[in-house]
């Protein structure tokens, strides 16, 4: 997978795809248009860009394209976070990691415990 980042609409589309496992652009359009005004062509264009980014696969079934995620949500999030942390460390050095750790106080107790458990396993 290439370097990945999502804009707000891309994130909404990906969340919908991950929930459904596979979808057409029409399915996604119907989901999104329940809560906002959006054009069908906009959804199609963004989904094509997500294919170009390497996060969606598109297969032709009859006359309709069906889209599926190339990877699980958890793995894509891990890739995005890893890329972001690499960029922060490259720009700001270890201070970026320390700033991240200082933000742990704002996490729930459950999330903090999961982080500690994960670090101890490494």
PDB file of N, CA and C in Angstrom:
ATOM      1  N   UNK A   1       0.838  -1.180   0.000  1.00  0.00           N
ATOM      2  CA  UNK A   1       0.000   0.000   0.000  1.00  0.00           C
ATOM      3  C   UNK A   1       0.882   1.241   0.000  1.00  0.00           C
ATOM      4  N   UNK A   2       0.504   2.214  -0.818  1.00  0.00           N
ATOM      5  CA  UNK A   2       1.212   3.486  -0.889  1.00  0.00           C
ATOM      6  C   UNK A   2       1.014   4.248   0.418  1.00  0.00           C
ATOM      7  N   UNK A   3       1.706   5.403   0.520  1.00  0.00           N
ATOM      8  CA  UNK A   3       1.427   6.276   1.661  1.00  0.00           C
ATOM      9  C   UNK A   3      -0.042   6.640   1.624  1.00  0.00           C
ATOM     10  N   UNK A   4      -0.672   6.587   2.765  1.00  0.00           N
ATOM     11  CA  UNK A   4      -2.118   6.779   2.812  1.00  0.00           C
ATOM     12  C   UNK A   4      -2.480   7.900   3.767  1.00  0.00           C
ATOM     13  N   UNK A   5      -3.409   8.732   3.320  1.00  0.00           N
ATOM     14  CA  UNK A   5      -4.062   9.690   4.206  1.00  0.00           C
ATOM     15  C   UNK A   5      -5.473   9.845   3.666  1.00  0.00           C
ATOM     16  N   UNK A   6      -6.394  10.145   4.543  1.00  0.00           N
ATOM     17  CA  UNK A   6      -7.782  10.286   4.143  1.00  0.00           C
ATOM     18  C   UNK A   6      -8.302  11.668   4.487  1.00  0.00           C
ATOM     19  N   UNK A   7      -9.034  12.253   3.552  1.00  0.00           N
ATOM     20  CA  UNK A   7      -9.810  13.443   3.843  1.00  0.00           C
ATOM     21  C   UNK A   7     -11.096  12.996   4.528  1.00  0.00           C
ATOM     22  N   UNK A   8     -11.894  13.944   5.002  1.00  0.00           N
ATOM     23  CA  UNK A   8     -13.127  13.588   5.719  1.00  0.00           C
ATOM     24  C   UNK A   8     -14.091  12.722   4.907  1.00  0.00           C
ATOM     25  N   UNK A   9     -14.306  13.035   3.637  1.00  0.00           N
ATOM     26  CA  UNK A   9     -15.225  12.240   2.823  1.00  0.00           C
ATOM     27  C   UNK A   9     -14.641  10.858   2.539  1.00  0.00           C
ATOM     28  N   UNK A  10     -13.353  10.797   2.285  1.00  0.00           N
ATOM     29  CA  UNK A  10     -12.714   9.500   2.078  1.00  0.00           C
ATOM     30  C   UNK A  10     -12.872   8.616   3.318  1.00  0.00           C
ATOM     31  N   UNK A  11     -12.726   9.216   4.485  1.00  0.00           N
ATOM     32  CA  UNK A  11     -12.873   8.456   5.732  1.00  0.00           C
ATOM     33  C   UNK A  11     -14.292   7.920   5.883  1.00  0.00           C
ATOM     34  N   UNK A  12     -15.278   8.738   5.572  1.00  0.00           N
ATOM     35  CA  UNK A  12     -16.672   8.287   5.647  1.00  0.00           C
ATOM     36  C   UNK A  12     -16.925   7.133   4.686  1.00  0.00           C
ATOM     37  N   UNK A  13     -16.394   7.249   3.494  1.00  0.00           N
ATOM     38  CA  UNK A  13     -16.568   6.182   2.500  1.00  0.00           C
ATOM     39  C   UNK A  13     -15.891   4.908   2.968  1.00  0.00           C
ATOM     40  N   UNK A  14     -14.674   5.026   3.466  1.00  0.00           N
ATOM     41  CA  UNK A  14     -13.957   3.827   3.934  1.00  0.00           C
ATOM     42  C   UNK A  14     -14.690   3.180   5.105  1.00  0.00           C
ATOM     43  N   UNK A  15     -15.200   3.980   6.037  1.00  0.00           N
ATOM     44  CA  UNK A  15     -15.940   3.405   7.165  1.00  0.00           C
ATOM     45  C   UNK A  15     -17.156   2.634   6.676  1.00  0.00           C
ATOM     46  N   UNK A  16     -17.832   3.167   5.684  1.00  0.00           N
ATOM     47  CA  UNK A  16     -18.998   2.491   5.124  1.00  0.00           C
ATOM     48  C   UNK A  16     -18.586   1.187   4.434  1.00  0.00           C
ATOM     49  N   UNK A  17     -17.500   1.222   3.687  1.00  0.00           N
ATOM     50  CA  UNK A  17     -17.008   0.010   3.005  1.00  0.00           C
ATOM     51  C   UNK A  17     -16.613  -1.050   4.036  1.00  0.00           C
ATOM     52  N   UNK A  18     -15.908  -0.642   5.084  1.00  0.00           N
ATOM     53  CA  UNK A  18     -15.474  -1.612   6.101  1.00  0.00           C
ATOM     54  C   UNK A  18     -16.672  -2.253   6.786  1.00  0.00           C
ATOM     55  N   UNK A  19     -17.724  -1.505   6.997  1.00  0.00           N
ATOM     56  CA  UNK A  19     -18.933  -2.068   7.622  1.00  0.00           C
ATOM     57  C   UNK A  19     -19.587  -3.097   6.721  1.00  0.00           C
ATOM     58  N   UNK A  20     -19.680  -2.790   5.442  1.00  0.00           N
ATOM     59  CA  UNK A  20     -20.439  -3.626   4.509  1.00  0.00           C
ATOM     60  C   UNK A  20     -19.607  -4.748   3.876  1.00  0.00           C
ATOM     61  N   UNK A  21     -18.303  -4.661   3.941  1.00  0.00           N
ATOM     62  CA  UNK A  21     -17.375  -5.595   3.303  1.00  0.00           C
ATOM     63  C   UNK A  21     -17.217  -5.328   1.803  1.00  0.00           C
ATOM     64  N   UNK A  22     -18.308  -5.155   1.076  1.00  0.00           N
ATOM     65  CA  UNK A  22     -18.233  -4.766  -0.336  1.00  0.00           C
ATOM     66  C   UNK A  22     -19.451  -3.904  -0.647  1.00  0.00           C
ATOM     67  N   UNK A  23     -19.272  -2.955  -1.568  1.00  0.00           N
ATOM     68  CA  UNK A  23     -20.339  -2.008  -1.887  1.00  0.00           C
ATOM     69  C   UNK A  23     -20.167  -1.468  -3.285  1.00  0.00           C
ATOM     70  N   UNK A  24     -21.265  -0.997  -3.827  1.00  0.00           N
ATOM     71  CA  UNK A  24     -21.207  -0.231  -5.062  1.00  0.00           C
ATOM     72  C   UNK A  24     -21.152   1.249  -4.688  1.00  0.00           C
ATOM     73  N   UNK A  25     -20.823   2.083  -5.649  1.00  0.00           N
ATOM     74  CA  UNK A  25     -20.839   3.529  -5.408  1.00  0.00           C
ATOM     75  C   UNK A  25     -22.254   3.973  -5.036  1.00  0.00           C
ATOM     76  N   UNK A  26     -23.253   3.352  -5.642  1.00  0.00           N
ATOM     77  CA  UNK A  26     -24.650   3.685  -5.341  1.00  0.00           C
ATOM     78  C   UNK A  26     -24.963   3.381  -3.867  1.00  0.00           C
ATOM     79  N   UNK A  27     -24.493   2.217  -3.360  1.00  0.00           N
ATOM     80  CA  UNK A  27     -24.710   1.864  -1.949  1.00  0.00           C
ATOM     81  C   UNK A  27     -24.123   2.930  -1.024  1.00  0.00           C
ATOM     82  N   UNK A  28     -22.901   3.325  -1.319  1.00  0.00           N
ATOM     83  CA  UNK A  28     -22.215   4.316  -0.483  1.00  0.00           C
ATOM     84  C   UNK A  28     -22.925   5.660  -0.582  1.00  0.00           C
ATOM     85  N   UNK A  29     -23.297   6.040  -1.792  1.00  0.00           N
ATOM     86  CA  UNK A  29     -24.039   7.289  -2.000  1.00  0.00           C
ATOM     87  C   UNK A  29     -25.314   7.298  -1.157  1.00  0.00           C
ATOM     88  N   UNK A  30     -26.061   6.207  -1.177  1.00  0.00           N
ATOM     89  CA  UNK A  30     -27.306   6.143  -0.405  1.00  0.00           C
ATOM     90  C   UNK A  30     -27.038   6.257   1.090  1.00  0.00           C
ATOM     91  N   UNK A  31     -25.966   5.631   1.567  1.00  0.00           N
ATOM     92  CA  UNK A  31     -25.604   5.749   2.987  1.00  0.00           C
ATOM     93  C   UNK A  31     -25.280   7.193   3.356  1.00  0.00           C
ATOM     94  N   UNK A  32     -24.416   7.817   2.564  1.00  0.00           N
ATOM     95  CA  UNK A  32     -23.943   9.165   2.896  1.00  0.00           C
ATOM     96  C   UNK A  32     -25.021  10.222   2.709  1.00  0.00           C
ATOM     97  N   UNK A  33     -25.884  10.030   1.713  1.00  0.00           N
ATOM     98  CA  UNK A  33     -26.887  11.061   1.425  1.00  0.00           C
ATOM     99  C   UNK A  33     -28.009  11.101   2.462  1.00  0.00           C
ATOM    100  N   UNK A  34     -28.036  10.145   3.372  1.00  0.00           N
ATOM    101  CA  UNK A  34     -29.015  10.184   4.469  1.00  0.00           C
ATOM    102  C   UNK A  34     -28.716  11.341   5.416  1.00  0.00           C
ATOM    103  N   UNK A  35     -27.431  11.670   5.556  1.00  0.00           N
ATOM    104  CA  UNK A  35     -27.015  12.672   6.538  1.00  0.00           C
ATOM    105  C   UNK A  35     -26.471  13.969   5.940  1.00  0.00           C
ATOM    106  N   UNK A  36     -26.280  14.002   4.613  1.00  0.00           N
ATOM    107  CA  UNK A  36     -25.709  15.207   4.007  1.00  0.00           C
ATOM    108  C   UNK A  36     -26.099  15.274   2.541  1.00  0.00           C
ATOM    109  N   UNK A  37     -26.007  16.462   2.012  1.00  0.00           N
ATOM    110  CA  UNK A  37     -26.224  16.632   0.568  1.00  0.00           C
ATOM    111  C   UNK A  37     -24.918  16.316  -0.124  1.00  0.00           C
ATOM    112  N   UNK A  38     -24.978  15.371  -1.024  1.00  0.00           N
ATOM    113  CA  UNK A  38     -23.778  14.968  -1.747  1.00  0.00           C
ATOM    114  C   UNK A  38     -24.196  14.442  -3.112  1.00  0.00           C
ATOM    115  N   UNK A  39     -23.379  14.677  -4.105  1.00  0.00           N
ATOM    116  CA  UNK A  39     -23.684  14.211  -5.456  1.00  0.00           C
ATOM    117  C   UNK A  39     -23.146  12.793  -5.646  1.00  0.00           C
ATOM    118  N   UNK A  40     -23.887  12.010  -6.384  1.00  0.00           N
ATOM    119  CA  UNK A  40     -23.471  10.644  -6.701  1.00  0.00           C
ATOM    120  C   UNK A  40     -22.109  10.654  -7.400  1.00  0.00           C
ATOM    121  N   UNK A  41     -21.927  11.595  -8.339  1.00  0.00           N
ATOM    122  CA  UNK A  41     -20.648  11.672  -9.064  1.00  0.00           C
ATOM    123  C   UNK A  41     -19.473  11.953  -8.127  1.00  0.00           C
ATOM    124  N   UNK A  42     -19.712  12.710  -7.081  1.00  0.00           N
ATOM    125  CA  UNK A  42     -18.666  12.983  -6.097  1.00  0.00           C
ATOM    126  C   UNK A  42     -18.234  11.689  -5.413  1.00  0.00           C
ATOM    127  N   UNK A  43     -19.215  10.888  -5.023  1.00  0.00           N
ATOM    128  CA  UNK A  43     -18.912   9.603  -4.378  1.00  0.00           C
ATOM    129  C   UNK A  43     -18.122   8.718  -5.337  1.00  0.00           C
ATOM    130  N   UNK A  44     -18.552   8.640  -6.591  1.00  0.00           N
ATOM    131  CA  UNK A  44     -17.839   7.832  -7.585  1.00  0.00           C
ATOM    132  C   UNK A  44     -16.398   8.295  -7.757  1.00  0.00           C
ATOM    133  N   UNK A  45     -16.208   9.606  -7.848  1.00  0.00           N
ATOM    134  CA  UNK A  45     -14.870  10.166  -8.039  1.00  0.00           C
ATOM    135  C   UNK A  45     -13.965   9.848  -6.859  1.00  0.00           C
ATOM    136  N   UNK A  46     -14.474  10.037  -5.652  1.00  0.00           N
ATOM    137  CA  UNK A  46     -13.667   9.776  -4.455  1.00  0.00           C
ATOM    138  C   UNK A  46     -13.331   8.291  -4.364  1.00  0.00           C
ATOM    139  N   UNK A  47     -14.271   7.430  -4.709  1.00  0.00           N
ATOM    140  CA  UNK A  47     -13.998   5.993  -4.655  1.00  0.00           C
ATOM    141  C   UNK A  47     -12.940   5.604  -5.687  1.00  0.00           C
ATOM    142  N   UNK A  48     -12.966   6.235  -6.844  1.00  0.00           N
ATOM    143  CA  UNK A  48     -11.922   5.989  -7.853  1.00  0.00           C
ATOM    144  C   UNK A  48     -10.565   6.428  -7.325  1.00  0.00           C
ATOM    145  N   UNK A  49     -10.530   7.545  -6.641  1.00  0.00           N
ATOM    146  CA  UNK A  49      -9.262   8.020  -6.049  1.00  0.00           C
ATOM    147  C   UNK A  49      -8.761   7.063  -4.966  1.00  0.00           C
ATOM    148  N   UNK A  50      -9.690   6.476  -4.221  1.00  0.00           N
ATOM    149  CA  UNK A  50      -9.294   5.493  -3.207  1.00  0.00           C
ATOM    150  C   UNK A  50      -8.733   4.224  -3.857  1.00  0.00           C
ATOM    151  N   UNK A  51      -9.240   3.886  -5.038  1.00  0.00           N
ATOM    152  CA  UNK A  51      -8.652   2.774  -5.809  1.00  0.00           C
ATOM    153  C   UNK A  51      -7.231   3.159  -6.210  1.00  0.00           C
ATOM    154  N   UNK A  52      -7.064   4.381  -6.712  1.00  0.00           N
ATOM    155  CA  UNK A  52      -5.739   4.862  -7.132  1.00  0.00           C
ATOM    156  C   UNK A  52      -4.751   4.912  -5.965  1.00  0.00           C
ATOM    157  N   UNK A  53      -5.254   5.199  -4.764  1.00  0.00           N
ATOM    158  CA  UNK A  53      -4.398   5.225  -3.570  1.00  0.00           C
ATOM    159  C   UNK A  53      -4.011   3.825  -3.122  1.00  0.00           C
ATOM    160  N   UNK A  54      -4.709   2.823  -3.642  1.00  0.00           N
ATOM    161  CA  UNK A  54      -4.378   1.445  -3.295  1.00  0.00           C
ATOM    162  C   UNK A  54      -5.107   0.902  -2.081  1.00  0.00           C
ATOM    163  N   UNK A  55      -6.160   1.592  -1.623  1.00  0.00           N
ATOM    164  CA  UNK A  55      -6.880   1.105  -0.444  1.00  0.00           C
ATOM    165  C   UNK A  55      -8.174   0.381  -0.799  1.00  0.00           C
ATOM    166  N   UNK A  56      -8.694   0.640  -2.014  1.00  0.00           N
ATOM    167  CA  UNK A  56      -9.886  -0.070  -2.477  1.00  0.00           C
ATOM    168  C   UNK A  56      -9.551  -0.874  -3.725  1.00  0.00           C
ATOM    169  N   UNK A  57     -10.269  -1.990  -3.877  1.00  0.00           N
ATOM    170  CA  UNK A  57     -10.236  -2.764  -5.113  1.00  0.00           C
ATOM    171  C   UNK A  57     -11.576  -2.588  -5.790  1.00  0.00           C
ATOM    172  N   UNK A  58     -11.548  -2.555  -7.113  1.00  0.00           N
ATOM    173  CA  UNK A  58     -12.783  -2.396  -7.875  1.00  0.00           C
ATOM    174  C   UNK A  58     -12.879  -3.559  -8.856  1.00  0.00           C
ATOM    175  N   UNK A  59     -14.012  -4.262  -8.797  1.00  0.00           N
ATOM    176  CA  UNK A  59     -14.254  -5.377  -9.718  1.00  0.00           C
ATOM    177  C   UNK A  59     -15.558  -5.135 -10.458  1.00  0.00           C
ATOM    178  N   UNK A  60     -15.568  -5.444 -11.724  1.00  0.00           N
ATOM    179  CA  UNK A  60     -16.757  -5.271 -12.535  1.00  0.00           C
ATOM    180  C   UNK A  60     -17.626  -6.519 -12.411  1.00  0.00           C
ATOM    181  N   UNK A  61     -18.855  -6.330 -11.947  1.00  0.00           N
ATOM    182  CA  UNK A  61     -19.842  -7.411 -11.862  1.00  0.00           C
ATOM    183  C   UNK A  61     -21.025  -6.994 -12.718  1.00  0.00           C
ATOM    184  N   UNK A  62     -21.133  -7.593 -13.892  1.00  0.00           N
ATOM    185  CA  UNK A  62     -22.138  -7.145 -14.842  1.00  0.00           C
ATOM    186  C   UNK A  62     -21.738  -5.775 -15.348  1.00  0.00           C
ATOM    187  N   UNK A  63     -22.601  -4.792 -15.139  1.00  0.00           N
ATOM    188  CA  UNK A  63     -22.308  -3.419 -15.555  1.00  0.00           C
ATOM    189  C   UNK A  63     -21.930  -2.531 -14.374  1.00  0.00           C
ATOM    190  N   UNK A  64     -21.818  -3.133 -13.200  1.00  0.00           N
ATOM    191  CA  UNK A  64     -21.608  -2.360 -11.980  1.00  0.00           C
ATOM    192  C   UNK A  64     -20.254  -2.669 -11.359  1.00  0.00           C
ATOM    193  N   UNK A  65     -19.576  -1.624 -10.917  1.00  0.00           N
ATOM    194  CA  UNK A  65     -18.334  -1.828 -10.165  1.00  0.00           C
ATOM    195  C   UNK A  65     -18.667  -2.093  -8.705  1.00  0.00           C
ATOM    196  N   UNK A  66     -18.023  -3.103  -8.136  1.00  0.00           N
ATOM    197  CA  UNK A  66     -18.164  -3.429  -6.723  1.00  0.00           C
ATOM    198  C   UNK A  66     -16.806  -3.168  -6.071  1.00  0.00           C
ATOM    199  N   UNK A  67     -16.843  -2.451  -4.971  1.00  0.00           N
ATOM    200  CA  UNK A  67     -15.629  -2.040  -4.285  1.00  0.00           C
ATOM    201  C   UNK A  67     -15.460  -2.812  -2.983  1.00  0.00           C
ATOM    202  N   UNK A  68     -14.226  -3.193  -2.704  1.00  0.00           N
ATOM    203  CA  UNK A  68     -13.885  -3.820  -1.428  1.00  0.00           C
ATOM    204  C   UNK A  68     -12.582  -3.197  -0.927  1.00  0.00           C
ATOM    205  N   UNK A  69     -12.403  -3.244   0.370  1.00  0.00           N
ATOM    206  CA  UNK A  69     -11.163  -2.738   0.951  1.00  0.00           C
ATOM    207  C   UNK A  69     -10.060  -3.755   0.705  1.00  0.00           C
ATOM    208  N   UNK A  70      -8.872  -3.257   0.404  1.00  0.00           N
ATOM    209  CA  UNK A  70      -7.729  -4.150   0.216  1.00  0.00           C
ATOM    210  C   UNK A  70      -7.182  -4.646   1.547  1.00  0.00           C
ATOM    211  N   UNK A  71      -7.548  -3.979   2.620  1.00  0.00           N
ATOM    212  CA  UNK A  71      -7.011  -4.346   3.929  1.00  0.00           C
ATOM    213  C   UNK A  71      -8.036  -4.048   5.015  1.00  0.00           C
ATOM    214  N   UNK A  72      -7.834  -4.656   6.167  1.00  0.00           N
ATOM    215  CA  UNK A  72      -8.713  -4.425   7.315  1.00  0.00           C
ATOM    216  C   UNK A  72      -8.510  -3.020   7.853  1.00  0.00           C
ATOM    217  N   UNK A  73      -9.562  -2.496   8.459  1.00  0.00           N
ATOM    218  CA  UNK A  73      -9.516  -1.150   9.025  1.00  0.00           C
ATOM    219  C   UNK A  73      -8.348  -1.010   9.999  1.00  0.00           C
ATOM    220  N   UNK A  74      -8.176  -1.980  10.857  1.00  0.00           N
ATOM    221  CA  UNK A  74      -7.109  -1.954  11.863  1.00  0.00           C
ATOM    222  C   UNK A  74      -5.733  -1.787  11.203  1.00  0.00           C
ATOM    223  N   UNK A  75      -5.499  -2.502  10.111  1.00  0.00           N
ATOM    224  CA  UNK A  75      -4.204  -2.436   9.430  1.00  0.00           C
ATOM    225  C   UNK A  75      -3.987  -1.096   8.738  1.00  0.00           C
ATOM    226  N   UNK A  76      -5.040  -0.545   8.154  1.00  0.00           N
ATOM    227  CA  UNK A  76      -4.928   0.754   7.487  1.00  0.00           C
ATOM    228  C   UNK A  76      -4.653   1.842   8.519  1.00  0.00           C
ATOM    229  N   UNK A  77      -5.365   1.787   9.637  1.00  0.00           N
ATOM    230  CA  UNK A  77      -5.133   2.769  10.704  1.00  0.00           C
ATOM    231  C   UNK A  77      -3.700   2.666  11.211  1.00  0.00           C
ATOM    232  N   UNK A  78      -3.220   1.446  11.391  1.00  0.00           N
ATOM    233  CA  UNK A  78      -1.836   1.245  11.853  1.00  0.00           C
ATOM    234  C   UNK A  78      -0.846   1.866  10.881  1.00  0.00           C
ATOM    235  N   UNK A  79      -1.093   1.684   9.588  1.00  0.00           N
ATOM    236  CA  UNK A  79      -0.205   2.245   8.557  1.00  0.00           C
ATOM    237  C   UNK A  79      -0.217   3.783   8.606  1.00  0.00           C
ATOM    238  N   UNK A  80      -1.409   4.358   8.728  1.00  0.00           N
ATOM    239  CA  UNK A  80      -1.527   5.820   8.769  1.00  0.00           C
ATOM    240  C   UNK A  80      -0.824   6.385  10.013  1.00  0.00           C
ATOM    241  N   UNK A  81      -1.057   5.764  11.157  1.00  0.00           N
ATOM    242  CA  UNK A  81      -0.430   6.230  12.403  1.00  0.00           C
ATOM    243  C   UNK A  81       1.086   6.079  12.323  1.00  0.00           C
ATOM    244  N   UNK A  82       1.536   4.962  11.789  1.00  0.00           N
ATOM    245  CA  UNK A  82       2.979   4.728  11.660  1.00  0.00           C
ATOM    246  C   UNK A  82       3.619   5.780  10.756  1.00  0.00           C
ATOM    247  N   UNK A  83       2.979   6.071   9.623  1.00  0.00           N
ATOM    248  CA  UNK A  83       3.490   7.104   8.712  1.00  0.00           C
ATOM    249  C   UNK A  83       3.530   8.454   9.403  1.00  0.00           C
ATOM    250  N   UNK A  84       2.469   8.776  10.148  1.00  0.00           N
ATOM    251  CA  UNK A  84       2.409  10.067  10.835  1.00  0.00           C
ATOM    252  C   UNK A  84       3.502  10.179  11.888  1.00  0.00           C
ATOM    253  N   UNK A  85       3.670   9.124  12.667  1.00  0.00           N
ATOM    254  CA  UNK A  85       4.700   9.154  13.713  1.00  0.00           C
ATOM    255  C   UNK A  85       6.093   9.256  13.093  1.00  0.00           C
ATOM    256  N   UNK A  86       6.324   8.532  11.998  1.00  0.00           N
ATOM    257  CA  UNK A  86       7.618   8.631  11.314  1.00  0.00           C
ATOM    258  C   UNK A  86       7.874  10.065  10.860  1.00  0.00           C
ATOM    259  N   UNK A  87       6.843  10.707  10.312  1.00  0.00           N
ATOM    260  CA  UNK A  87       6.986  12.102   9.865  1.00  0.00           C
ATOM    261  C   UNK A  87       7.274  13.041  11.031  1.00  0.00           C
ATOM    262  N   UNK A  88       6.533  12.857  12.140  1.00  0.00           N
ATOM    263  CA  UNK A  88       6.758  13.708  13.315  1.00  0.00           C
ATOM    264  C   UNK A  88       8.171  13.541  13.855  1.00  0.00           C
ATOM    265  N   UNK A  89       8.630  12.304  13.958  1.00  0.00           N
ATOM    266  CA  UNK A  89       9.967  12.061  14.496  1.00  0.00           C
ATOM    267  C   UNK A  89      11.022  12.616  13.548  1.00  0.00           C
ATOM    268  N   UNK A  90      10.808  12.463  12.259  1.00  0.00           N
ATOM    269  CA  UNK A  90      11.748  13.005  11.276  1.00  0.00           C
ATOM    270  C   UNK A  90      11.818  14.538  11.390  1.00  0.00           C
ATOM    271  N   UNK A  91      10.678  15.177  11.618  1.00  0.00           N
ATOM    272  CA  UNK A  91      10.642  16.644  11.707  1.00  0.00           C
ATOM    273  C   UNK A  91      11.113  17.169  13.058  1.00  0.00           C
ATOM    274  N   UNK A  92      10.691  16.503  14.150  1.00  0.00           N
ATOM    275  CA  UNK A  92      10.903  17.072  15.482  1.00  0.00           C
ATOM    276  C   UNK A  92      11.755  16.207  16.407  1.00  0.00           C
ATOM    277  N   UNK A  93      12.209  15.067  15.928  1.00  0.00           N
ATOM    278  CA  UNK A  93      13.050  14.197  16.743  1.00  0.00           C
ATOM    279  C   UNK A  93      12.264  13.542  17.873  1.00  0.00           C
ATOM    280  N   UNK A  94      12.982  13.127  18.884  1.00  0.00           N
ATOM    281  CA  UNK A  94      12.379  12.409  20.005  1.00  0.00           C
ATOM    282  C   UNK A  94      11.350  13.242  20.765  1.00  0.00           C
ATOM    283  N   UNK A  95      11.428  14.559  20.642  1.00  0.00           N
ATOM    284  CA  UNK A  95      10.459  15.419  21.324  1.00  0.00           C
ATOM    285  C   UNK A  95       9.033  15.120  20.851  1.00  0.00           C
ATOM    286  N   UNK A  96       8.891  14.685  19.618  1.00  0.00           N
ATOM    287  CA  UNK A  96       7.562  14.334  19.104  1.00  0.00           C
ATOM    288  C   UNK A  96       7.001  13.140  19.868  1.00  0.00           C
ATOM    289  N   UNK A  97       7.846  12.148  20.129  1.00  0.00           N
ATOM    290  CA  UNK A  97       7.406  10.975  20.892  1.00  0.00           C
ATOM    291  C   UNK A  97       7.067  11.343  22.329  1.00  0.00           C
ATOM    292  N   UNK A  98       7.872  12.212  22.918  1.00  0.00           N
ATOM    293  CA  UNK A  98       7.608  12.642  24.293  1.00  0.00           C
ATOM    294  C   UNK A  98       6.290  13.419  24.373  1.00  0.00           C
ATOM    295  N   UNK A  99       6.018  14.240  23.376  1.00  0.00           N
ATOM    296  CA  UNK A  99       4.747  14.976  23.357  1.00  0.00           C
ATOM    297  C   UNK A  99       3.575  14.012  23.246  1.00  0.00           C
ATOM    298  N   UNK A 100       3.735  12.969  22.460  1.00  0.00           N
ATOM    299  CA  UNK A 100       2.700  11.949  22.327  1.00  0.00           C
ATOM    300  C   UNK A 100       2.464  11.261  23.672  1.00  0.00           C
ATOM    301  N   UNK A 101       3.528  10.876  24.331  1.00  0.00           N
ATOM    302  CA  UNK A 101       3.418  10.195  25.627  1.00  0.00           C
ATOM    303  C   UNK A 101       2.778  11.118  26.651  1.00  0.00           C
ATOM    304  N   UNK A 102       3.103  12.401  26.637  1.00  0.00           N
ATOM    305  CA  UNK A 102       2.499  13.337  27.577  1.00  0.00           C
ATOM    306  C   UNK A 102       0.995  13.463  27.383  1.00  0.00           C
ATOM    307  N   UNK A 103       0.510  13.166  26.194  1.00  0.00           N
ATOM    308  CA  UNK A 103      -0.922  13.216  25.922  1.00  0.00           C
ATOM    309  C   UNK A 103      -1.690  12.017  26.441  1.00  0.00           C
ATOM    310  N   UNK A 104      -0.993  11.033  26.967  1.00  0.00           N
ATOM    311  CA  UNK A 104      -1.638   9.814  27.467  1.00  0.00           C
ATOM    312  C   UNK A 104      -2.601  10.111  28.612  1.00  0.00           C
ATOM    313  N   UNK A 105      -2.333  11.162  29.369  1.00  0.00           N
ATOM    314  CA  UNK A 105      -3.201  11.509  30.501  1.00  0.00           C
ATOM    315  C   UNK A 105      -4.646  11.728  30.070  1.00  0.00           C
ATOM    316  N   UNK A 106      -4.854  12.103  28.832  1.00  0.00           N
ATOM    317  CA  UNK A 106      -6.199  12.399  28.364  1.00  0.00           C
ATOM    318  C   UNK A 106      -6.934  11.157  27.842  1.00  0.00           C
ATOM    319  N   UNK A 107      -6.278  10.007  27.861  1.00  0.00           N
ATOM    320  CA  UNK A 107      -6.905   8.760  27.410  1.00  0.00           C
ATOM    321  C   UNK A 107      -7.695   8.118  28.535  1.00  0.00           C
ATOM    322  N   UNK A 108      -8.638   7.282  28.161  1.00  0.00           N
ATOM    323  CA  UNK A 108      -9.385   6.535  29.181  1.00  0.00           C
ATOM    324  C   UNK A 108      -8.439   5.538  29.860  1.00  0.00           C
ATOM    325  N   UNK A 109      -8.809   5.122  31.037  1.00  0.00           N
ATOM    326  CA  UNK A 109      -8.003   4.158  31.789  1.00  0.00           C
ATOM    327  C   UNK A 109      -7.836   2.862  30.995  1.00  0.00           C
ATOM    328  N   UNK A 110      -8.912   2.439  30.348  1.00  0.00           N
ATOM    329  CA  UNK A 110      -8.877   1.195  29.562  1.00  0.00           C
ATOM    330  C   UNK A 110      -7.886   1.300  28.401  1.00  0.00           C
ATOM    331  N   UNK A 111      -7.917   2.415  27.691  1.00  0.00           N
ATOM    332  CA  UNK A 111      -7.008   2.611  26.560  1.00  0.00           C
ATOM    333  C   UNK A 111      -5.571   2.708  27.047  1.00  0.00           C
ATOM    334  N   UNK A 112      -5.367   3.400  28.152  1.00  0.00           N
ATOM    335  CA  UNK A 112      -4.014   3.529  28.726  1.00  0.00           C
ATOM    336  C   UNK A 112      -3.450   2.158  29.082  1.00  0.00           C
ATOM    337  N   UNK A 113      -4.288   1.295  29.677  1.00  0.00           N
ATOM    338  CA  UNK A 113      -3.842  -0.061  30.031  1.00  0.00           C
ATOM    339  C   UNK A 113      -3.493  -0.867  28.782  1.00  0.00           C
ATOM    340  N   UNK A 114      -4.306  -0.737  27.733  1.00  0.00           N
ATOM    341  CA  UNK A 114      -4.017  -1.454  26.480  1.00  0.00           C
ATOM    342  C   UNK A 114      -2.676  -1.007  25.901  1.00  0.00           C
ATOM    343  N   UNK A 115      -2.409   0.301  25.960  1.00  0.00           N
ATOM    344  CA  UNK A 115      -1.138   0.810  25.445  1.00  0.00           C
ATOM    345  C   UNK A 115       0.036   0.254  26.240  1.00  0.00           C
ATOM    346  N   UNK A 116      -0.085   0.254  27.539  1.00  0.00           N
ATOM    347  CA  UNK A 116       0.981  -0.243  28.398  1.00  0.00           C
ATOM    348  C   UNK A 116       1.210  -1.732  28.125  1.00  0.00           C
ATOM    349  N   UNK A 117       0.132  -2.497  28.023  1.00  0.00           N
ATOM    350  CA  UNK A 117       0.260  -3.929  27.718  1.00  0.00           C
ATOM    351  C   UNK A 117       0.965  -4.157  26.379  1.00  0.00           C
ATOM    352  N   UNK A 118       0.593  -3.356  25.396  1.00  0.00           N
ATOM    353  CA  UNK A 118       1.211  -3.486  24.073  1.00  0.00           C
ATOM    354  C   UNK A 118       2.701  -3.165  24.128  1.00  0.00           C
ATOM    355  N   UNK A 119       3.057  -2.112  24.844  1.00  0.00           N
ATOM    356  CA  UNK A 119       4.474  -1.735  24.966  1.00  0.00           C
ATOM    357  C   UNK A 119       5.262  -2.810  25.719  1.00  0.00           C
ATOM    358  N   UNK A 120       4.668  -3.402  26.718  1.00  0.00           N
ATOM    359  CA  UNK A 120       5.377  -4.423  27.488  1.00  0.00           C
ATOM    360  C   UNK A 120       5.620  -5.705  26.678  1.00  0.00           C
ATOM    361  N   UNK A 121       4.764  -5.961  25.702  1.00  0.00           N
ATOM    362  CA  UNK A 121       4.927  -7.145  24.856  1.00  0.00           C
ATOM    363  C   UNK A 121       6.033  -6.970  23.821  1.00  0.00           C
ATOM    364  N   UNK A 122       6.421  -5.739  23.556  1.00  0.00           N
ATOM    365  CA  UNK A 122       7.432  -5.456  22.510  1.00  0.00           C
ATOM    366  C   UNK A 122       8.826  -5.648  23.023  1.00  0.00           C
TER     367      UNK A 122
END
